[in-house]
Amino acid sequence: MLLFNQHSEPDTDFERDFLRFSSLVADMDHIRHGVPPVTMAGDDAPLLDRWLLGNLLTPALVGLSTGHPALPGTNRPIATSQVLLMSADMSWARTLSRWYRLGRPAERSGLDA
């Protein structure tokens, strides 16, 4: 997840990740148009041998949703897709799927008391 400031210049981490995501989107567009991976990556792309497909935990939001286009209802419990961006003031979040306005954070239980 990337933190961003709403009213100031993005920092170097944000810029670095912006370029990485821009490159990913460009590659996805090439794939849509039939460009093979070897054309994009070249013959010197790293080889990953004896590999496994792993599942990593990714940040997501859980909470009560109102006004969701695919999950209708008021105060409906949901879990979002992967959170990719969050405003530094914690008022906005961009998941893989969409933007969310963030209301009040959940109150902590006695777990950390």
PDB file of N, CA and C in Angstrom:
ATOM      1  N   MET A   1       0.845  -1.166   0.000  1.00  0.00           N
ATOM      2  CA  MET A   1       0.000   0.000   0.000  1.00  0.00           C
ATOM      3  C   MET A   1       0.893   1.233   0.000  1.00  0.00           C
ATOM      4  N   LEU A   2       0.513   2.222  -0.786  1.00  0.00           N
ATOM      5  CA  LEU A   2       1.249   3.470  -0.866  1.00  0.00           C
ATOM      6  C   LEU A   2       0.494   4.575  -0.146  1.00  0.00           C
ATOM      7  N   LEU A   3       1.180   5.336   0.668  1.00  0.00           N
ATOM      8  CA  LEU A   3       0.585   6.523   1.273  1.00  0.00           C
ATOM      9  C   LEU A   3       0.801   7.694   0.330  1.00  0.00           C
ATOM     10  N   PHE A   4      -0.209   8.571   0.234  1.00  0.00           N
ATOM     11  CA  PHE A   4      -0.044   9.756  -0.601  1.00  0.00           C
ATOM     12  C   PHE A   4      -0.574  10.966   0.143  1.00  0.00           C
ATOM     13  N   ASN A   5      -0.014  12.127  -0.185  1.00  0.00           N
ATOM     14  CA  ASN A   5      -0.476  13.388   0.379  1.00  0.00           C
ATOM     15  C   ASN A   5      -1.398  14.037  -0.634  1.00  0.00           C
ATOM     16  N   GLN A   6      -2.538  14.555  -0.169  1.00  0.00           N
ATOM     17  CA  GLN A   6      -3.521  15.118  -1.079  1.00  0.00           C
ATOM     18  C   GLN A   6      -3.144  16.500  -1.601  1.00  0.00           C
ATOM     19  N   HIS A   7      -2.323  17.249  -0.869  1.00  0.00           N
ATOM     20  CA  HIS A   7      -2.071  18.635  -1.247  1.00  0.00           C
ATOM     21  C   HIS A   7      -0.599  18.980  -1.381  1.00  0.00           C
ATOM     22  N   SER A   8       0.234  17.983  -1.602  1.00  0.00           N
ATOM     23  CA  SER A   8       1.657  18.297  -1.751  1.00  0.00           C
ATOM     24  C   SER A   8       2.271  17.364  -2.785  1.00  0.00           C
ATOM     25  N   GLU A   9       3.491  17.622  -3.107  1.00  0.00           N
ATOM     26  CA  GLU A   9       4.189  16.812  -4.098  1.00  0.00           C
ATOM     27  C   GLU A   9       4.406  15.403  -3.571  1.00  0.00           C
ATOM     28  N   PRO A  10       4.208  14.395  -4.446  1.00  0.00           N
ATOM     29  CA  PRO A  10       4.482  13.014  -4.027  1.00  0.00           C
ATOM     30  C   PRO A  10       5.961  12.835  -3.674  1.00  0.00           C
ATOM     31  N   ASP A  11       6.233  11.926  -2.781  1.00  0.00           N
ATOM     32  CA  ASP A  11       7.612  11.676  -2.402  1.00  0.00           C
ATOM     33  C   ASP A  11       8.255  10.680  -3.368  1.00  0.00           C
ATOM     34  N   THR A  12       9.535  10.396  -3.158  1.00  0.00           N
ATOM     35  CA  THR A  12      10.276   9.541  -4.089  1.00  0.00           C
ATOM     36  C   THR A  12       9.752   8.108  -4.097  1.00  0.00           C
ATOM     37  N   ASP A  13       9.284   7.588  -2.961  1.00  0.00           N
ATOM     38  CA  ASP A  13       8.712   6.241  -2.944  1.00  0.00           C
ATOM     39  C   ASP A  13       7.455   6.172  -3.807  1.00  0.00           C
ATOM     40  N   PHE A  14       6.617   7.191  -3.712  1.00  0.00           N
ATOM     41  CA  PHE A  14       5.405   7.241  -4.520  1.00  0.00           C
ATOM     42  C   PHE A  14       5.768   7.292  -6.003  1.00  0.00           C
ATOM     43  N   GLU A  15       6.724   8.127  -6.363  1.00  0.00           N
ATOM     44  CA  GLU A  15       7.143   8.253  -7.761  1.00  0.00           C
ATOM     45  C   GLU A  15       7.714   6.941  -8.284  1.00  0.00           C
ATOM     46  N   ARG A  16       8.524   6.272  -7.476  1.00  0.00           N
ATOM     47  CA  ARG A  16       9.106   4.988  -7.881  1.00  0.00           C
ATOM     48  C   ARG A  16       8.010   3.965  -8.155  1.00  0.00           C
ATOM     49  N   ASP A  17       7.064   3.860  -7.244  1.00  0.00           N
ATOM     50  CA  ASP A  17       5.995   2.888  -7.430  1.00  0.00           C
ATOM     51  C   ASP A  17       5.055   3.289  -8.561  1.00  0.00           C
ATOM     52  N   PHE A  18       4.855   4.579  -8.770  1.00  0.00           N
ATOM     53  CA  PHE A  18       4.063   5.040  -9.910  1.00  0.00           C
ATOM     54  C   PHE A  18       4.674   4.545 -11.214  1.00  0.00           C
ATOM     55  N   LEU A  19       5.972   4.666 -11.341  1.00  0.00           N
ATOM     56  CA  LEU A  19       6.643   4.193 -12.549  1.00  0.00           C
ATOM     57  C   LEU A  19       6.531   2.682 -12.689  1.00  0.00           C
ATOM     58  N   ARG A  20       6.624   1.956 -11.590  1.00  0.00           N
ATOM     59  CA  ARG A  20       6.479   0.495 -11.640  1.00  0.00           C
ATOM     60  C   ARG A  20       5.086   0.098 -12.089  1.00  0.00           C
ATOM     61  N   PHE A  21       4.050   0.724 -11.523  1.00  0.00           N
ATOM     62  CA  PHE A  21       2.681   0.404 -11.916  1.00  0.00           C
ATOM     63  C   PHE A  21       2.398   0.839 -13.349  1.00  0.00           C
ATOM     64  N   SER A  22       2.951   1.983 -13.755  1.00  0.00           N
ATOM     65  CA  SER A  22       2.772   2.433 -15.139  1.00  0.00           C
ATOM     66  C   SER A  22       3.364   1.421 -16.108  1.00  0.00           C
ATOM     67  N   SER A  23       4.508   0.880 -15.767  1.00  0.00           N
ATOM     68  CA  SER A  23       5.144  -0.129 -16.602  1.00  0.00           C
ATOM     69  C   SER A  23       4.294  -1.390 -16.669  1.00  0.00           C
ATOM     70  N   LEU A  24       3.716  -1.795 -15.529  1.00  0.00           N
ATOM     71  CA  LEU A  24       2.842  -2.969 -15.495  1.00  0.00           C
ATOM     72  C   LEU A  24       1.625  -2.761 -16.400  1.00  0.00           C
ATOM     73  N   VAL A  25       0.994  -1.596 -16.298  1.00  0.00           N
ATOM     74  CA  VAL A  25      -0.183  -1.319 -17.112  1.00  0.00           C
ATOM     75  C   VAL A  25       0.192  -1.306 -18.597  1.00  0.00           C
ATOM     76  N   ALA A  26       1.352  -0.749 -18.927  1.00  0.00           N
ATOM     77  CA  ALA A  26       1.801  -0.759 -20.328  1.00  0.00           C
ATOM     78  C   ALA A  26       1.991  -2.191 -20.823  1.00  0.00           C
ATOM     79  N   ASP A  27       2.587  -3.051 -19.991  1.00  0.00           N
ATOM     80  CA  ASP A  27       2.761  -4.457 -20.381  1.00  0.00           C
ATOM     81  C   ASP A  27       1.411  -5.150 -20.559  1.00  0.00           C
ATOM     82  N   MET A  28       0.459  -4.855 -19.674  1.00  0.00           N
ATOM     83  CA  MET A  28      -0.870  -5.447 -19.814  1.00  0.00           C
ATOM     84  C   MET A  28      -1.521  -5.020 -21.129  1.00  0.00           C
ATOM     85  N   ASP A  29      -1.322  -3.772 -21.505  1.00  0.00           N
ATOM     86  CA  ASP A  29      -1.867  -3.286 -22.769  1.00  0.00           C
ATOM     87  C   ASP A  29      -1.203  -3.997 -23.949  1.00  0.00           C
ATOM     88  N   HIS A  30       0.100  -4.202 -23.860  1.00  0.00           N
ATOM     89  CA  HIS A  30       0.802  -4.945 -24.925  1.00  0.00           C
ATOM     90  C   HIS A  30       0.245  -6.358 -25.056  1.00  0.00           C
ATOM     91  N   ILE A  31       0.011  -7.020 -23.913  1.00  0.00           N
ATOM     92  CA  ILE A  31      -0.537  -8.386 -23.941  1.00  0.00           C
ATOM     93  C   ILE A  31      -1.909  -8.375 -24.608  1.00  0.00           C
ATOM     94  N   ARG A  32      -2.734  -7.372 -24.273  1.00  0.00           N
ATOM     95  CA  ARG A  32      -4.056  -7.242 -24.905  1.00  0.00           C
ATOM     96  C   ARG A  32      -3.953  -7.166 -26.416  1.00  0.00           C
ATOM     97  N   HIS A  33      -2.849  -6.611 -26.888  1.00  0.00           N
ATOM     98  CA  HIS A  33      -2.662  -6.433 -28.329  1.00  0.00           C
ATOM     99  C   HIS A  33      -1.785  -7.514 -28.950  1.00  0.00           C
ATOM    100  N   GLY A  34      -1.570  -8.614 -28.209  1.00  0.00           N
ATOM    101  CA  GLY A  34      -0.891  -9.771 -28.785  1.00  0.00           C
ATOM    102  C   GLY A  34       0.618  -9.741 -28.783  1.00  0.00           C
ATOM    103  N   VAL A  35       1.221  -8.816 -28.045  1.00  0.00           N
ATOM    104  CA  VAL A  35       2.689  -8.761 -27.981  1.00  0.00           C
ATOM    105  C   VAL A  35       3.167  -9.859 -27.034  1.00  0.00           C
ATOM    106  N   PRO A  36       4.054 -10.743 -27.484  1.00  0.00           N
ATOM    107  CA  PRO A  36       4.517 -11.825 -26.610  1.00  0.00           C
ATOM    108  C   PRO A  36       5.479 -11.318 -25.526  1.00  0.00           C
ATOM    109  N   PRO A  37       5.509 -11.992 -24.376  1.00  0.00           N
ATOM    110  CA  PRO A  37       6.387 -11.568 -23.282  1.00  0.00           C
ATOM    111  C   PRO A  37       7.854 -11.423 -23.690  1.00  0.00           C
ATOM    112  N   VAL A  38       8.363 -12.311 -24.542  1.00  0.00           N
ATOM    113  CA  VAL A  38       9.781 -12.223 -24.920  1.00  0.00           C
ATOM    114  C   VAL A  38      10.086 -10.907 -25.628  1.00  0.00           C
ATOM    115  N   THR A  39       9.112 -10.343 -26.317  1.00  0.00           N
ATOM    116  CA  THR A  39       9.313  -9.056 -26.980  1.00  0.00           C
ATOM    117  C   THR A  39       9.440  -7.938 -25.954  1.00  0.00           C
ATOM    118  N   MET A  40       8.660  -8.029 -24.889  1.00  0.00           N
ATOM    119  CA  MET A  40       8.702  -6.993 -23.856  1.00  0.00           C
ATOM    120  C   MET A  40       9.898  -7.166 -22.924  1.00  0.00           C
ATOM    121  N   ALA A  41      10.185  -8.417 -22.528  1.00  0.00           N
ATOM    122  CA  ALA A  41      11.212  -8.673 -21.517  1.00  0.00           C
ATOM    123  C   ALA A  41      12.598  -8.838 -22.114  1.00  0.00           C
ATOM    124  N   GLY A  42      12.665  -9.324 -23.340  1.00  0.00           N
ATOM    125  CA  GLY A  42      13.959  -9.567 -23.970  1.00  0.00           C
ATOM    126  C   GLY A  42      14.514 -10.922 -23.589  1.00  0.00           C
ATOM    127  N   ASP A  43      15.558 -11.314 -24.304  1.00  0.00           N
ATOM    128  CA  ASP A  43      16.173 -12.623 -24.077  1.00  0.00           C
ATOM    129  C   ASP A  43      16.960 -12.695 -22.776  1.00  0.00           C
ATOM    130  N   ASP A  44      17.252 -11.543 -22.175  1.00  0.00           N
ATOM    131  CA  ASP A  44      18.051 -11.532 -20.950  1.00  0.00           C
ATOM    132  C   ASP A  44      17.201 -11.431 -19.686  1.00  0.00           C
ATOM    133  N   ALA A  45      15.887 -11.714 -19.799  1.00  0.00           N
ATOM    134  CA  ALA A  45      15.026 -11.711 -18.608  1.00  0.00           C
ATOM    135  C   ALA A  45      15.514 -12.766 -17.624  1.00  0.00           C
ATOM    136  N   PRO A  46      15.449 -12.499 -16.327  1.00  0.00           N
ATOM    137  CA  PRO A  46      15.907 -13.480 -15.342  1.00  0.00           C
ATOM    138  C   PRO A  46      15.127 -14.792 -15.450  1.00  0.00           C
ATOM    139  N   LEU A  47      15.797 -15.880 -15.166  1.00  0.00           N
ATOM    140  CA  LEU A  47      15.180 -17.199 -15.125  1.00  0.00           C
ATOM    141  C   LEU A  47      14.889 -17.547 -13.677  1.00  0.00           C
ATOM    142  N   LEU A  48      13.675 -17.965 -13.399  1.00  0.00           N
ATOM    143  CA  LEU A  48      13.303 -18.426 -12.062  1.00  0.00           C
ATOM    144  C   LEU A  48      13.094 -19.924 -12.157  1.00  0.00           C
ATOM    145  N   ASP A  49      13.966 -20.685 -11.529  1.00  0.00           N
ATOM    146  CA  ASP A  49      13.952 -22.137 -11.623  1.00  0.00           C
ATOM    147  C   ASP A  49      13.425 -22.739 -10.330  1.00  0.00           C
ATOM    148  N   ARG A  50      12.853 -23.925 -10.420  1.00  0.00           N
ATOM    149  CA  ARG A  50      12.318 -24.656  -9.264  1.00  0.00           C
ATOM    150  C   ARG A  50      11.349 -23.790  -8.483  1.00  0.00           C
ATOM    151  N   TRP A  51      10.458 -23.121  -9.188  1.00  0.00           N
ATOM    152  CA  TRP A  51       9.574 -22.144  -8.586  1.00  0.00           C
ATOM    153  C   TRP A  51       8.263 -22.769  -8.126  1.00  0.00           C
ATOM    154  N   LEU A  52       7.624 -22.103  -7.220  1.00  0.00           N
ATOM    155  CA  LEU A  52       6.295 -22.443  -6.718  1.00  0.00           C
ATOM    156  C   LEU A  52       5.443 -21.185  -6.770  1.00  0.00           C
ATOM    157  N   LEU A  53       4.160 -21.365  -6.949  1.00  0.00           N
ATOM    158  CA  LEU A  53       3.241 -20.249  -6.857  1.00  0.00           C
ATOM    159  C   LEU A  53       2.821 -20.114  -5.397  1.00  0.00           C
ATOM    160  N   GLY A  54       3.180 -19.009  -4.779  1.00  0.00           N
ATOM    161  CA  GLY A  54       2.868 -18.802  -3.368  1.00  0.00           C
ATOM    162  C   GLY A  54       1.729 -17.818  -3.194  1.00  0.00           C
ATOM    163  N   ASN A  55       1.132 -17.827  -2.043  1.00  0.00           N
ATOM    164  CA  ASN A  55       0.105 -16.856  -1.673  1.00  0.00           C
ATOM    165  C   ASN A  55       0.662 -15.969  -0.574  1.00  0.00           C
ATOM    166  N   LEU A  56       0.660 -14.671  -0.832  1.00  0.00           N
ATOM    167  CA  LEU A  56       1.141 -13.710   0.153  1.00  0.00           C
ATOM    168  C   LEU A  56      -0.034 -12.939   0.703  1.00  0.00           C
ATOM    169  N   LEU A  57       0.050 -12.561   1.945  1.00  0.00           N
ATOM    170  CA  LEU A  57      -0.980 -11.710   2.528  1.00  0.00           C
ATOM    171  C   LEU A  57      -0.829 -10.308   1.971  1.00  0.00           C
ATOM    172  N   THR A  58      -1.926  -9.694   1.619  1.00  0.00           N
ATOM    173  CA  THR A  58      -1.890  -8.328   1.126  1.00  0.00           C
ATOM    174  C   THR A  58      -2.824  -7.484   1.974  1.00  0.00           C
ATOM    175  N   PRO A  59      -2.523  -6.194   2.108  1.00  0.00           N
ATOM    176  CA  PRO A  59      -3.401  -5.346   2.909  1.00  0.00           C
ATOM    177  C   PRO A  59      -4.756  -5.165   2.237  1.00  0.00           C
ATOM    178  N   ALA A  60      -5.800  -5.215   3.031  1.00  0.00           N
ATOM    179  CA  ALA A  60      -7.167  -4.980   2.579  1.00  0.00           C
ATOM    180  C   ALA A  60      -7.900  -4.260   3.704  1.00  0.00           C
ATOM    181  N   LEU A  61      -9.029  -3.706   3.382  1.00  0.00           N
ATOM    182  CA  LEU A  61      -9.858  -3.058   4.393  1.00  0.00           C
ATOM    183  C   LEU A  61     -11.079  -3.923   4.672  1.00  0.00           C
ATOM    184  N   VAL A  62     -11.499  -3.942   5.898  1.00  0.00           N
ATOM    185  CA  VAL A  62     -12.765  -4.570   6.270  1.00  0.00           C
ATOM    186  C   VAL A  62     -13.568  -3.507   7.011  1.00  0.00           C
ATOM    187  N   GLY A  63     -14.855  -3.508   6.777  1.00  0.00           N
ATOM    188  CA  GLY A  63     -15.678  -2.510   7.440  1.00  0.00           C
ATOM    189  C   GLY A  63     -17.098  -2.583   6.954  1.00  0.00           C
ATOM    190  N   LEU A  64     -17.847  -1.551   7.261  1.00  0.00           N
ATOM    191  CA  LEU A  64     -19.262  -1.486   6.917  1.00  0.00           C
ATOM    192  C   LEU A  64     -19.430  -0.565   5.719  1.00  0.00           C
ATOM    193  N   SER A  65     -19.891  -1.120   4.619  1.00  0.00           N
ATOM    194  CA  SER A  65     -19.992  -0.389   3.366  1.00  0.00           C
ATOM    195  C   SER A  65     -21.400   0.125   3.123  1.00  0.00           C
ATOM    196  N   THR A  66     -21.478   1.335   2.613  1.00  0.00           N
ATOM    197  CA  THR A  66     -22.737   1.929   2.171  1.00  0.00           C
ATOM    198  C   THR A  66     -22.489   2.547   0.805  1.00  0.00           C
ATOM    199  N   GLY A  67     -23.338   2.199  -0.166  1.00  0.00           N
ATOM    200  CA  GLY A  67     -23.210   2.787  -1.498  1.00  0.00           C
ATOM    201  C   GLY A  67     -22.273   2.054  -2.427  1.00  0.00           C
ATOM    202  N   HIS A  68     -21.885   0.838  -2.101  1.00  0.00           N
ATOM    203  CA  HIS A  68     -20.991   0.053  -2.963  1.00  0.00           C
ATOM    204  C   HIS A  68     -21.768  -0.364  -4.218  1.00  0.00           C
ATOM    205  N   PRO A  69     -21.176  -0.190  -5.409  1.00  0.00           N
ATOM    206  CA  PRO A  69     -21.917  -0.503  -6.627  1.00  0.00           C
ATOM    207  C   PRO A  69     -22.229  -1.989  -6.818  1.00  0.00           C
ATOM    208  N   ALA A  70     -21.398  -2.871  -6.310  1.00  0.00           N
ATOM    209  CA  ALA A  70     -21.611  -4.307  -6.501  1.00  0.00           C
ATOM    210  C   ALA A  70     -22.141  -5.006  -5.253  1.00  0.00           C
ATOM    211  N   LEU A  71     -22.025  -4.363  -4.106  1.00  0.00           N
ATOM    212  CA  LEU A  71     -22.461  -4.955  -2.837  1.00  0.00           C
ATOM    213  C   LEU A  71     -23.441  -3.995  -2.178  1.00  0.00           C
ATOM    214  N   PRO A  72     -24.690  -3.988  -2.632  1.00  0.00           N
ATOM    215  CA  PRO A  72     -25.640  -2.991  -2.151  1.00  0.00           C
ATOM    216  C   PRO A  72     -25.999  -3.171  -0.677  1.00  0.00           C
ATOM    217  N   GLY A  73     -26.482  -2.107  -0.119  1.00  0.00           N
ATOM    218  CA  GLY A  73     -26.931  -2.144   1.265  1.00  0.00           C
ATOM    219  C   GLY A  73     -26.327  -1.014   2.062  1.00  0.00           C
ATOM    220  N   THR A  74     -26.806  -0.881   3.274  1.00  0.00           N
ATOM    221  CA  THR A  74     -26.302   0.123   4.206  1.00  0.00           C
ATOM    222  C   THR A  74     -25.618  -0.596   5.352  1.00  0.00           C
ATOM    223  N   ASN A  75     -24.408  -0.156   5.658  1.00  0.00           N
ATOM    224  CA  ASN A  75     -23.602  -0.775   6.716  1.00  0.00           C
ATOM    225  C   ASN A  75     -23.431  -2.272   6.487  1.00  0.00           C
ATOM    226  N   ARG A  76     -23.196  -2.657   5.244  1.00  0.00           N
ATOM    227  CA  ARG A  76     -22.990  -4.061   4.889  1.00  0.00           C
ATOM    228  C   ARG A  76     -21.530  -4.442   5.176  1.00  0.00           C
ATOM    229  N   PRO A  77     -21.288  -5.496   5.944  1.00  0.00           N
ATOM    230  CA  PRO A  77     -19.910  -5.918   6.216  1.00  0.00           C
ATOM    231  C   PRO A  77     -19.241  -6.427   4.927  1.00  0.00           C
ATOM    232  N   ILE A  78     -18.076  -5.872   4.621  1.00  0.00           N
ATOM    233  CA  ILE A  78     -17.338  -6.304   3.439  1.00  0.00           C
ATOM    234  C   ILE A  78     -15.846  -6.367   3.750  1.00  0.00           C
ATOM    235  N   ALA A  79     -15.121  -7.040   2.890  1.00  0.00           N
ATOM    236  CA  ALA A  79     -13.661  -6.975   2.826  1.00  0.00           C
ATOM    237  C   ALA A  79     -13.337  -6.506   1.417  1.00  0.00           C
ATOM    238  N   THR A  80     -12.442  -5.553   1.299  1.00  0.00           N
ATOM    239  CA  THR A  80     -12.104  -4.996  -0.007  1.00  0.00           C
ATOM    240  C   THR A  80     -11.062  -5.868  -0.706  1.00  0.00           C
ATOM    241  N   SER A  81     -10.824  -5.536  -1.953  1.00  0.00           N
ATOM    242  CA  SER A  81      -9.667  -6.099  -2.641  1.00  0.00           C
ATOM    243  C   SER A  81      -8.414  -5.425  -2.075  1.00  0.00           C
ATOM    244  N   GLN A  82      -7.276  -5.764  -2.592  1.00  0.00           N
ATOM    245  CA  GLN A  82      -5.997  -5.264  -2.091  1.00  0.00           C
ATOM    246  C   GLN A  82      -5.956  -3.739  -2.071  1.00  0.00           C
ATOM    247  N   VAL A  83      -5.547  -3.177  -0.930  1.00  0.00           N
ATOM    248  CA  VAL A  83      -5.379  -1.732  -0.813  1.00  0.00           C
ATOM    249  C   VAL A  83      -4.040  -1.355  -1.426  1.00  0.00           C
ATOM    250  N   LEU A  84      -4.082  -0.430  -2.383  1.00  0.00           N
ATOM    251  CA  LEU A  84      -2.866   0.005  -3.056  1.00  0.00           C
ATOM    252  C   LEU A  84      -2.450   1.415  -2.666  1.00  0.00           C
ATOM    253  N   LEU A  85      -3.402   2.280  -2.390  1.00  0.00           N
ATOM    254  CA  LEU A  85      -3.120   3.664  -2.015  1.00  0.00           C
ATOM    255  C   LEU A  85      -3.974   4.052  -0.819  1.00  0.00           C
ATOM    256  N   MET A  86      -3.389   4.890   0.060  1.00  0.00           N
ATOM    257  CA  MET A  86      -4.177   5.455   1.151  1.00  0.00           C
ATOM    258  C   MET A  86      -3.652   6.864   1.416  1.00  0.00           C
ATOM    259  N   SER A  87      -4.584   7.819   1.560  1.00  0.00           N
ATOM    260  CA  SER A  87      -4.152   9.178   1.852  1.00  0.00           C
ATOM    261  C   SER A  87      -3.527   9.222   3.241  1.00  0.00           C
ATOM    262  N   ALA A  88      -2.546  10.089   3.389  1.00  0.00           N
ATOM    263  CA  ALA A  88      -1.830  10.184   4.659  1.00  0.00           C
ATOM    264  C   ALA A  88      -2.768  10.557   5.799  1.00  0.00           C
ATOM    265  N   ASP A  89      -3.839  11.292   5.491  1.00  0.00           N
ATOM    266  CA  ASP A  89      -4.789  11.650   6.542  1.00  0.00           C
ATOM    267  C   ASP A  89      -5.858  10.574   6.758  1.00  0.00           C
ATOM    268  N   MET A  90      -5.705   9.450   6.087  1.00  0.00           N
ATOM    269  CA  MET A  90      -6.579   8.280   6.239  1.00  0.00           C
ATOM    270  C   MET A  90      -8.041   8.579   5.895  1.00  0.00           C
ATOM    271  N   SER A  91      -8.275   9.472   4.927  1.00  0.00           N
ATOM    272  CA  SER A  91      -9.646   9.788   4.531  1.00  0.00           C
ATOM    273  C   SER A  91     -10.036   9.136   3.198  1.00  0.00           C
ATOM    274  N   TRP A  92      -9.067   8.645   2.456  1.00  0.00           N
ATOM    275  CA  TRP A  92      -9.313   7.988   1.164  1.00  0.00           C
ATOM    276  C   TRP A  92      -8.438   6.766   1.022  1.00  0.00           C
ATOM    277  N   ALA A  93      -8.968   5.746   0.343  1.00  0.00           N
ATOM    278  CA  ALA A  93      -8.180   4.552   0.021  1.00  0.00           C
ATOM    279  C   ALA A  93      -8.525   4.110  -1.394  1.00  0.00           C
ATOM    280  N   ARG A  94      -7.530   3.662  -2.141  1.00  0.00           N
ATOM    281  CA  ARG A  94      -7.737   3.110  -3.482  1.00  0.00           C
ATOM    282  C   ARG A  94      -7.365   1.641  -3.428  1.00  0.00           C
ATOM    283  N   THR A  95      -8.337   0.787  -3.686  1.00  0.00           N
ATOM    284  CA  THR A  95      -8.065  -0.641  -3.753  1.00  0.00           C
ATOM    285  C   THR A  95      -7.815  -1.003  -5.210  1.00  0.00           C
ATOM    286  N   LEU A  96      -7.539  -2.258  -5.442  1.00  0.00           N
ATOM    287  CA  LEU A  96      -7.376  -2.719  -6.807  1.00  0.00           C
ATOM    288  C   LEU A  96      -8.631  -2.427  -7.624  1.00  0.00           C
ATOM    289  N   SER A  97      -9.791  -2.437  -6.981  1.00  0.00           N
ATOM    290  CA  SER A  97     -11.067  -2.272  -7.682  1.00  0.00           C
ATOM    291  C   SER A  97     -11.574  -0.840  -7.778  1.00  0.00           C
ATOM    292  N   ARG A  98     -11.434  -0.052  -6.703  1.00  0.00           N
ATOM    293  CA  ARG A  98     -12.104   1.248  -6.686  1.00  0.00           C
ATOM    294  C   ARG A  98     -11.590   2.116  -5.540  1.00  0.00           C
ATOM    295  N   TRP A  99     -12.041   3.382  -5.540  1.00  0.00           N
ATOM    296  CA  TRP A  99     -11.800   4.313  -4.446  1.00  0.00           C
ATOM    297  C   TRP A  99     -12.831   4.094  -3.348  1.00  0.00           C
ATOM    298  N   TYR A 100     -12.422   4.330  -2.109  1.00  0.00           N
ATOM    299  CA  TYR A 100     -13.322   4.336  -0.949  1.00  0.00           C
ATOM    300  C   TYR A 100     -13.094   5.615  -0.160  1.00  0.00           C
ATOM    301  N   ARG A 101     -14.172   6.259   0.237  1.00  0.00           N
ATOM    302  CA  ARG A 101     -14.096   7.321   1.237  1.00  0.00           C
ATOM    303  C   ARG A 101     -14.030   6.608   2.578  1.00  0.00           C
ATOM    304  N   LEU A 102     -13.151   7.030   3.432  1.00  0.00           N
ATOM    305  CA  LEU A 102     -13.009   6.357   4.722  1.00  0.00           C
ATOM    306  C   LEU A 102     -13.668   7.181   5.816  1.00  0.00           C
ATOM    307  N   GLY A 103     -14.553   6.539   6.530  1.00  0.00           N
ATOM    308  CA  GLY A 103     -15.187   7.173   7.680  1.00  0.00           C
ATOM    309  C   GLY A 103     -14.358   6.928   8.927  1.00  0.00           C
ATOM    310  N   ARG A 104     -15.053   6.692  10.009  1.00  0.00           N
ATOM    311  CA  ARG A 104     -14.375   6.471  11.287  1.00  0.00           C
ATOM    312  C   ARG A 104     -13.662   5.119  11.280  1.00  0.00           C
ATOM    313  N   PRO A 105     -12.445   5.050  11.824  1.00  0.00           N
ATOM    314  CA  PRO A 105     -11.816   3.735  11.986  1.00  0.00           C
ATOM    315  C   PRO A 105     -12.537   2.932  13.063  1.00  0.00           C
ATOM    316  N   ALA A 106     -12.428   1.630  12.970  1.00  0.00           N
ATOM    317  CA  ALA A 106     -13.044   0.761  13.982  1.00  0.00           C
ATOM    318  C   ALA A 106     -12.360   0.995  15.329  1.00  0.00           C
ATOM    319  N   GLU A 107     -13.131   0.833  16.370  1.00  0.00           N
ATOM    320  CA  GLU A 107     -12.552   0.918  17.702  1.00  0.00           C
ATOM    321  C   GLU A 107     -11.822  -0.374  18.000  1.00  0.00           C
ATOM    322  N   ARG A 108     -10.726  -0.255  18.662  1.00  0.00           N
ATOM    323  CA  ARG A 108      -9.940  -1.424  19.039  1.00  0.00           C
ATOM    324  C   ARG A 108     -10.625  -2.151  20.185  1.00  0.00           C
ATOM    325  N   SER A 109     -10.551  -3.469  20.122  1.00  0.00           N
ATOM    326  CA  SER A 109     -11.053  -4.252  21.256  1.00  0.00           C
ATOM    327  C   SER A 109      -9.976  -4.236  22.342  1.00  0.00           C
ATOM    328  N   GLY A 110     -10.138  -5.032  23.337  1.00  0.00           N
ATOM    329  CA  GLY A 110      -9.174  -5.087  24.412  1.00  0.00           C
ATOM    330  C   GLY A 110      -7.908  -5.848  24.064  1.00  0.00           C
ATOM    331  N   LEU A 111      -7.699  -6.173  22.771  1.00  0.00           N
ATOM    332  CA  LEU A 111      -6.556  -6.960  22.387  1.00  0.00           C
ATOM    333  C   LEU A 111      -5.222  -6.287  22.669  1.00  0.00           C
ATOM    334  N   ASP A 112      -5.176  -4.955  22.517  1.00  0.00           N
ATOM    335  CA  ASP A 112      -3.908  -4.275  22.734  1.00  0.00           C
ATOM    336  C   ASP A 112      -3.907  -3.459  24.018  1.00  0.00           C
ATOM    337  N   ALA A 113      -4.859  -3.710  24.872  1.00  0.00           N
ATOM    338  CA  ALA A 113      -4.942  -2.940  26.130  1.00  0.00           C
ATOM    339  C   ALA A 113      -4.007  -3.518  27.175  1.00  0.00           C
TER     340      ALA A 113
END
